[in-house]
Amino acid sequence: MIRSRRVGPATFQRLVSELGSVVSALDALPEIAGQAGVKNYSTYHYASAERELDAGLHLGFAPIFLGSDSYPPLLAQTSDAPPFIWANGNVGLGAKPCLALVGARNASSLGRRMASAIARDLGEAGFVTVSGLARGIDAAVHSNSLSAGTIAVQAGGLDIVYPKENADLTKEIGEQGLCISEQPVGLIPQARHFPQRNRIISGISQAVIVIEGAARSGSLITARYAADIGREVMAVPGSPMDGRASGCNMLIRDGAVLVRSAQDIIDALDQPLQSKLPLQVQTPTTKLESSKISERILSLLGPQGVALDDLVRDIGLPTQTVTEQLTTMELDGKIERQPGGFLSLAS
């Protein structure tokens, strides 16, 4: 079902919740798509899904399904958790206390040393590190916490090594740590897959720590996802003259925890976290035709992603009413769901 056209993780979870099971949702999907105006809709071929499953198993990868005991518990709590992930390595690591350490690919020598020290110390303190297996900060994090436990979230298929220079590190993580991906085996990562990977990095972790990151970077996207789902965001400060530290300094200015060492992270996690989101008051239901709700949603969306909570508040209707219409509009190709649960007009 998750490989079917126009079905993202959020739509998957909604349909399964409403219809009671994946089987029922899959059976109903063509009719739902038809009601949304999509003609000749067909679900992903069973034989194709079976080939993917066989290929992954042949390579020694383990399929982990949302709802199973081996699925990372924190990731399962997010609204756009992947219904299905491939895993290679120690699947038990996802259930341990996880902290994401991310940063620049073109990291400085000082940044790499800082990442290595923090990762090593956090591992000794009993934490599992999580990162994206990129060059620079990510590679330093993984290589210095292998013995304690590290999780690499890959943007492409588990059998696709990216970048190539991390081939040996990828092999070591598969043997001593854990590699995971929501993408099919054999998929070569494209630009759109990296934000999807970043949401998993933040979703699986208690906190995200940024060690060198420009103002416009994947690391800042990961931090934004973490803040959106109520996870702690921390950052290592840097020189105002170094563009690689500009994102970190911005995060600290905006309230992120300043990190000088692993102990700062541990101390911050010992403090009770309080939600910064205001309590939502459910507004009375207003009876509007489906087309009117659709028009209102389209008028409020644009190419930039909008959080579901903000959209519901602006429309002034119950969440269930809005989400039902969003499912129809997504299947109709009018809107898109971006990583982190954001909504935008279809590009």
Protein backbone atom coordinates (compact mmCIF):
# COMPACT_ATOMS: atom_id res chain seq x y z
CA MET A 1 0.00 0.00 0.00
CA ILE A 2 2.77 2.47 0.84
CA ARG A 3 4.25 1.92 -2.63
CA SER A 4 0.91 2.81 -4.25
CA ARG A 5 0.61 6.07 -6.16
CA ARG A 6 -0.19 9.18 -4.09
CA VAL A 7 -0.13 7.30 -0.76
CA GLY A 8 2.32 8.87 1.69
CA PRO A 9 2.92 7.83 5.31
CA ALA A 10 0.33 10.25 6.74
CA THR A 11 -2.36 9.16 4.28
CA PHE A 12 -1.45 5.53 4.95
CA GLN A 13 -1.93 5.92 8.71
CA ARG A 14 -5.19 7.83 8.30
CA LEU A 15 -6.78 5.31 5.95
CA VAL A 16 -5.73 2.33 8.07
CA SER A 17 -7.06 4.05 11.21
CA GLU A 18 -10.42 4.78 9.58
CA LEU A 19 -10.88 1.42 7.84
CA GLY A 20 -9.40 -0.83 10.51
CA SER A 21 -6.67 -2.66 8.61
CA VAL A 22 -4.21 -2.36 5.75
CA VAL A 23 -6.16 -4.96 3.77
CA SER A 24 -9.40 -2.99 4.04
CA ALA A 25 -7.64 0.27 3.19
CA LEU A 26 -5.92 -1.24 0.17
CA ASP A 27 -9.20 -2.68 -1.11
CA ALA A 28 -10.95 0.67 -0.70
CA LEU A 29 -8.17 2.80 -2.22
CA PRO A 30 -9.34 2.64 -5.88
CA GLU A 31 -12.86 3.71 -4.87
CA ILE A 32 -11.53 6.53 -2.67
CA ALA A 33 -9.32 7.71 -5.53
CA GLY A 34 -12.28 7.53 -7.90
CA GLN A 35 -14.37 9.68 -5.59
CA ALA A 36 -11.51 12.19 -5.60
CA GLY A 37 -11.70 12.34 -9.39
CA VAL A 38 -8.72 10.10 -10.18
CA LYS A 39 -9.66 7.90 -13.12
CA ASN A 40 -8.37 4.36 -13.70
CA TYR A 41 -6.52 4.32 -10.38
CA SER A 42 -4.78 1.07 -9.52
CA THR A 43 -2.77 0.12 -6.46
CA TYR A 44 0.82 -1.06 -6.55
CA HIS A 45 1.09 -4.55 -8.02
CA TYR A 46 1.28 -7.32 -5.46
CA ALA A 47 3.94 -9.10 -7.53
CA SER A 48 6.15 -5.99 -7.50
CA ALA A 49 5.89 -5.72 -3.72
CA GLU A 50 6.71 -9.41 -3.43
CA ARG A 51 9.81 -8.95 -5.62
CA GLU A 52 11.00 -6.10 -3.41
CA LEU A 53 10.50 -8.23 -0.30
CA ASP A 54 12.36 -11.17 -1.83
CA ALA A 55 15.23 -8.94 -2.98
CA GLY A 56 15.68 -7.41 0.46
CA LEU A 57 15.58 -10.75 2.23
CA HIS A 58 18.07 -12.19 -0.26
CA LEU A 59 20.51 -9.40 0.68
CA GLY A 60 20.08 -10.20 4.37
CA PHE A 61 17.97 -7.16 5.25
CA ALA A 62 15.10 -7.35 7.75
CA PRO A 63 11.66 -5.82 7.07
CA ILE A 64 10.26 -3.90 10.05
CA PHE A 65 6.59 -2.91 10.02
CA LEU A 66 4.91 -0.13 11.98
CA GLY A 67 3.27 -1.72 15.01
CA SER A 68 5.83 -4.51 15.43
CA ASP A 69 7.95 -4.84 18.57
CA SER A 70 11.16 -4.12 16.65
CA TYR A 71 9.91 -0.81 15.19
CA PRO A 72 11.66 2.21 16.84
CA PRO A 73 9.14 3.41 19.47
CA LEU A 74 9.80 7.16 19.20
CA LEU A 75 9.54 7.04 15.41
CA ALA A 76 6.23 5.19 15.71
CA GLN A 77 4.78 8.14 17.62
CA THR A 78 5.21 10.58 14.72
CA SER A 79 2.33 11.36 12.38
CA ASP A 80 4.31 10.49 9.25
CA ALA A 81 6.18 7.42 10.49
CA PRO A 82 7.11 5.09 7.62
CA PRO A 83 4.72 2.12 7.62
CA PHE A 84 7.63 -0.08 6.56
CA ILE A 85 11.43 0.20 6.82
CA TRP A 86 14.31 -1.99 5.78
CA ALA A 87 16.95 -2.71 8.42
CA ASN A 88 20.46 -4.12 8.33
CA GLY A 89 22.14 -4.83 11.64
CA ASN A 90 21.08 -4.75 15.29
CA VAL A 91 17.38 -3.82 15.15
CA GLY A 92 17.29 -3.57 18.95
CA LEU A 93 19.23 -0.29 18.84
CA GLY A 94 16.11 1.61 17.79
CA ALA A 95 14.52 0.93 21.16
CA LYS A 96 17.42 2.42 23.13
CA PRO A 97 17.84 6.12 24.00
CA CYS A 98 18.80 7.73 20.68
CA LEU A 99 20.30 11.14 19.97
CA ALA A 100 20.75 12.60 16.49
CA LEU A 101 24.05 14.32 15.69
CA VAL A 102 24.08 16.06 12.31
CA GLY A 103 26.16 18.66 10.55
CA ALA A 104 28.00 19.92 7.51
CA ARG A 105 29.41 17.68 4.79
CA ASN A 106 32.30 20.11 4.28
CA ALA A 107 33.02 20.16 8.01
CA SER A 108 36.07 21.87 9.43
CA SER A 109 38.78 19.96 11.27
CA LEU A 110 37.53 21.44 14.54
CA GLY A 111 33.95 20.44 13.74
CA ARG A 112 34.97 16.86 13.02
CA ARG A 113 36.92 16.67 16.27
CA MET A 114 33.97 18.06 18.21
CA ALA A 115 31.58 15.58 16.56
CA SER A 116 33.94 12.69 17.28
CA ALA A 117 34.35 13.61 20.95
CA ILE A 118 30.63 14.16 21.57
CA ALA A 119 29.65 10.94 19.80
CA ARG A 120 32.23 8.93 21.73
CA ASP A 121 31.22 10.39 25.08
CA LEU A 122 27.50 9.95 24.45
CA GLY A 123 28.12 6.32 23.53
CA GLU A 124 30.00 5.76 26.76
CA ALA A 125 27.05 7.35 28.61
CA GLY A 126 24.68 4.77 27.12
CA PHE A 127 23.17 6.67 24.19
CA VAL A 128 22.84 5.46 20.61
CA THR A 129 23.87 8.05 18.03
CA VAL A 130 21.80 8.66 14.90
CA SER A 131 22.96 10.38 11.73
CA GLY A 132 22.60 10.37 7.94
CA LEU A 133 25.77 8.58 6.77
CA ALA A 134 26.94 11.61 4.78
CA ARG A 135 30.55 12.73 4.59
CA GLY A 136 31.85 15.17 7.18
CA ILE A 137 30.07 15.39 10.53
CA ASP A 138 27.84 12.35 9.93
CA ALA A 139 30.79 10.08 9.14
CA ALA A 140 32.70 11.31 12.20
CA VAL A 141 29.68 10.59 14.43
CA HIS A 142 29.14 7.05 13.12
CA SER A 143 32.80 6.02 13.14
CA ASN A 144 33.37 7.20 16.71
CA SER A 145 30.31 5.49 18.24
CA LEU A 146 30.36 2.14 16.44
CA SER A 147 31.22 0.10 19.52
CA ALA A 148 28.52 1.77 21.66
CA GLY A 149 25.83 1.71 18.97
CA THR A 150 25.01 3.96 16.03
CA ILE A 151 22.11 4.14 13.56
CA ALA A 152 22.60 5.31 9.98
CA VAL A 153 19.45 6.49 8.19
CA GLN A 154 20.03 6.15 4.45
CA ALA A 155 18.32 8.27 1.81
CA GLY A 156 18.31 5.50 -0.81
CA GLY A 157 18.01 1.74 -0.74
CA LEU A 158 20.07 -0.08 1.87
CA ASP A 159 22.15 -1.74 -0.84
CA ILE A 160 23.11 1.61 -2.37
CA VAL A 161 26.23 3.09 -0.77
CA TYR A 162 26.15 6.89 -0.83
CA PRO A 163 28.58 8.53 -0.87
CA LYS A 164 30.92 5.85 -2.25
CA GLU A 165 33.71 6.93 0.10
CA ASN A 166 31.65 5.62 3.02
CA ALA A 167 31.52 2.06 1.69
CA ASP A 168 33.70 0.61 4.46
CA LEU A 169 31.88 2.61 7.13
CA THR A 170 28.50 1.42 5.83
CA LYS A 171 29.69 -2.18 6.04
CA GLU A 172 30.95 -1.66 9.60
CA ILE A 173 27.67 -0.09 10.71
CA GLY A 174 25.74 -3.02 9.24
CA GLU A 175 27.93 -5.39 11.27
CA GLN A 176 28.12 -3.45 14.55
CA GLY A 177 25.29 -0.91 14.44
CA LEU A 178 22.13 -0.48 12.38
CA CYS A 179 21.34 0.89 8.91
CA ILE A 180 17.71 1.69 8.08
CA SER A 181 15.80 3.10 5.11
CA GLU A 182 12.16 3.52 4.07
CA GLN A 183 13.13 3.36 0.39
CA PRO A 184 12.98 0.26 -1.83
CA VAL A 185 16.06 -1.88 -2.30
CA GLY A 186 18.05 -0.65 -5.29
CA LEU A 187 16.78 2.95 -5.22
CA ILE A 188 19.49 5.52 -5.96
CA PRO A 189 18.86 8.58 -3.76
CA GLN A 190 17.66 11.79 -5.40
CA ALA A 191 17.49 15.27 -3.88
CA ARG A 192 13.88 14.80 -2.70
CA HIS A 193 14.81 11.72 -0.66
CA PHE A 194 17.15 13.54 1.74
CA PRO A 195 14.48 15.64 3.52
CA GLN A 196 12.48 12.42 3.90
CA ARG A 197 15.52 10.80 5.49
CA ASN A 198 15.97 13.82 7.78
CA ARG A 199 12.47 13.48 9.23
CA ILE A 200 13.30 9.89 10.23
CA ILE A 201 16.54 11.01 11.88
CA SER A 202 14.62 13.47 14.05
CA GLY A 203 11.68 11.12 14.62
CA ILE A 204 13.78 8.28 16.00
CA SER A 205 15.71 10.54 18.40
CA GLN A 206 15.04 12.21 21.74
CA ALA A 207 16.95 15.30 20.58
CA VAL A 208 18.78 16.68 17.56
CA ILE A 209 22.23 18.23 18.04
CA VAL A 210 23.61 20.28 15.15
CA ILE A 211 27.42 20.47 14.88
CA GLU A 212 28.25 22.93 12.10
CA GLY A 213 25.40 23.72 9.76
CA ALA A 214 24.81 26.57 7.37
CA ALA A 215 21.65 28.67 7.55
CA ARG A 216 20.27 26.80 4.53
CA SER A 217 21.24 23.18 5.03
CA GLY A 218 19.83 19.72 5.57
CA SER A 219 20.93 19.89 9.19
CA LEU A 220 18.65 22.86 9.80
CA ILE A 221 15.79 20.97 8.13
CA THR A 222 16.37 18.09 10.55
CA ALA A 223 16.33 20.53 13.45
CA ARG A 224 13.07 22.06 12.22
CA TYR A 225 11.45 18.63 12.02
CA ALA A 226 12.60 17.91 15.57
CA ALA A 227 11.10 21.15 16.88
CA ASP A 228 7.83 20.47 15.05
CA ILE A 229 7.36 17.11 16.79
CA GLY A 230 8.36 18.41 20.22
CA ARG A 231 11.92 17.08 20.42
CA GLU A 232 14.74 19.07 21.98
CA VAL A 233 17.04 20.99 19.62
CA MET A 234 20.65 21.73 20.55
CA ALA A 235 23.60 23.24 18.71
CA VAL A 236 27.33 23.76 19.00
CA PRO A 237 28.21 27.46 18.59
CA GLY A 238 30.82 28.61 16.09
CA SER A 239 32.57 31.65 14.79
CA PRO A 240 30.31 34.29 13.23
CA MET A 241 32.91 34.48 10.45
CA ASP A 242 32.40 30.81 9.46
CA GLY A 243 29.36 30.18 7.26
CA ARG A 244 29.30 26.56 8.43
CA ALA A 245 28.35 27.77 11.90
CA SER A 246 25.70 30.31 10.87
CA GLY A 247 22.82 27.83 11.22
CA CYS A 248 23.99 26.70 14.65
CA ASN A 249 24.28 30.25 15.89
CA MET A 250 20.80 31.03 14.56
CA LEU A 251 19.36 28.02 16.39
CA ILE A 252 20.97 29.10 19.66
CA ARG A 253 19.67 32.65 19.16
CA ASP A 254 16.18 31.21 18.71
CA GLY A 255 16.29 29.11 21.88
CA ALA A 256 18.24 25.93 21.12
CA VAL A 257 20.40 24.56 23.93
CA LEU A 258 24.04 25.63 23.61
CA VAL A 259 26.34 22.60 23.56
CA ARG A 260 30.01 22.62 24.51
CA SER A 261 30.35 18.92 25.32
CA ALA A 262 28.38 15.72 25.72
CA GLN A 263 27.75 16.66 29.34
CA ASP A 264 25.74 19.72 28.26
CA ILE A 265 23.47 17.40 26.26
CA ILE A 266 23.05 14.96 29.13
CA ASP A 267 22.32 17.79 31.56
CA ALA A 268 19.69 19.28 29.22
CA LEU A 269 17.95 15.93 28.84
CA ASP A 270 17.75 15.57 32.60
CA GLN A 271 15.58 18.67 32.72
CA PRO A 272 11.82 18.13 32.27
CA LEU A 273 10.77 19.18 28.77
CA GLN A 274 7.69 21.38 28.57
CA SER A 275 5.65 21.74 25.41
CA LYS A 276 5.88 25.18 23.85
CA LEU A 277 2.69 24.63 21.86
CA PRO A 278 -0.51 26.28 23.09
CA LEU A 279 -3.48 24.12 23.95
CA GLN A 280 -5.88 23.82 21.06
CA VAL A 281 -9.55 24.55 21.55
CA GLN A 282 -11.87 22.59 19.29
CA THR A 283 -14.14 24.91 17.36
CA PRO A 284 -17.76 24.05 16.67
CA THR A 285 -18.46 22.12 13.51
CA THR A 286 -19.62 24.23 10.60
CA LYS A 287 -21.45 22.37 7.84
CA LEU A 288 -19.80 23.19 4.56
CA GLU A 289 -19.93 21.36 1.27
CA SER A 290 -16.84 19.38 0.38
CA SER A 291 -16.06 21.70 -2.51
CA LYS A 292 -16.18 24.75 -0.23
CA ILE A 293 -13.74 23.16 2.22
CA SER A 294 -11.47 22.23 -0.66
CA GLU A 295 -11.53 25.79 -1.98
CA ARG A 296 -10.69 27.16 1.45
CA ILE A 297 -7.76 24.74 1.85
CA LEU A 298 -6.38 25.65 -1.58
CA SER A 299 -6.64 29.36 -0.79
CA LEU A 300 -4.56 28.89 2.34
CA LEU A 301 -1.83 26.72 0.83
CA GLY A 302 1.08 27.63 -1.40
CA PRO A 303 4.41 26.14 -2.49
CA GLN A 304 5.79 26.61 1.05
CA GLY A 305 4.77 23.91 3.52
CA VAL A 306 2.12 24.66 6.16
CA ALA A 307 1.70 22.65 9.37
CA LEU A 308 -1.59 20.73 9.69
CA ASP A 309 -2.36 22.32 13.07
CA ASP A 310 -1.96 25.81 11.60
CA LEU A 311 -4.19 24.93 8.65
CA VAL A 312 -6.93 23.51 10.89
CA ARG A 313 -6.80 26.61 13.09
CA ASP A 314 -7.06 28.96 10.10
CA ILE A 315 -9.98 27.07 8.58
CA GLY A 316 -11.89 26.90 11.85
CA LEU A 317 -13.27 23.39 11.41
CA PRO A 318 -12.70 20.19 13.41
CA THR A 319 -9.49 18.36 12.64
CA GLN A 320 -11.32 15.25 11.40
CA THR A 321 -13.33 17.28 8.89
CA VAL A 322 -10.20 18.89 7.47
CA THR A 323 -8.11 15.71 7.36
CA GLU A 324 -10.85 13.82 5.54
CA GLN A 325 -10.85 16.47 2.83
CA LEU A 326 -7.03 16.52 2.72
CA THR A 327 -6.93 12.79 1.99
CA THR A 328 -9.27 13.26 -0.95
CA MET A 329 -7.26 16.22 -2.24
CA GLU A 330 -3.97 14.36 -1.95
CA LEU A 331 -5.29 11.42 -3.95
CA ASP A 332 -6.61 13.92 -6.49
CA GLY A 333 -3.12 15.36 -6.85
CA LYS A 334 -4.08 18.86 -5.68
CA ILE A 335 -1.86 18.94 -2.59
CA GLU A 336 1.35 17.31 -1.43
CA ARG A 337 2.53 16.18 1.99
CA GLN A 338 6.08 17.20 2.74
CA PRO A 339 8.36 15.53 5.31
CA GLY A 340 7.49 16.58 8.83
CA GLY A 341 3.75 16.60 8.15
CA PHE A 342 3.72 19.90 6.22
CA LEU A 343 1.20 20.50 3.45
CA SER A 344 1.62 22.43 0.22
CA LEU A 345 0.06 22.85 -3.19
CA ALA A 346 1.08 20.15 -5.67
CA SER A 347 4.05 21.25 -7.74
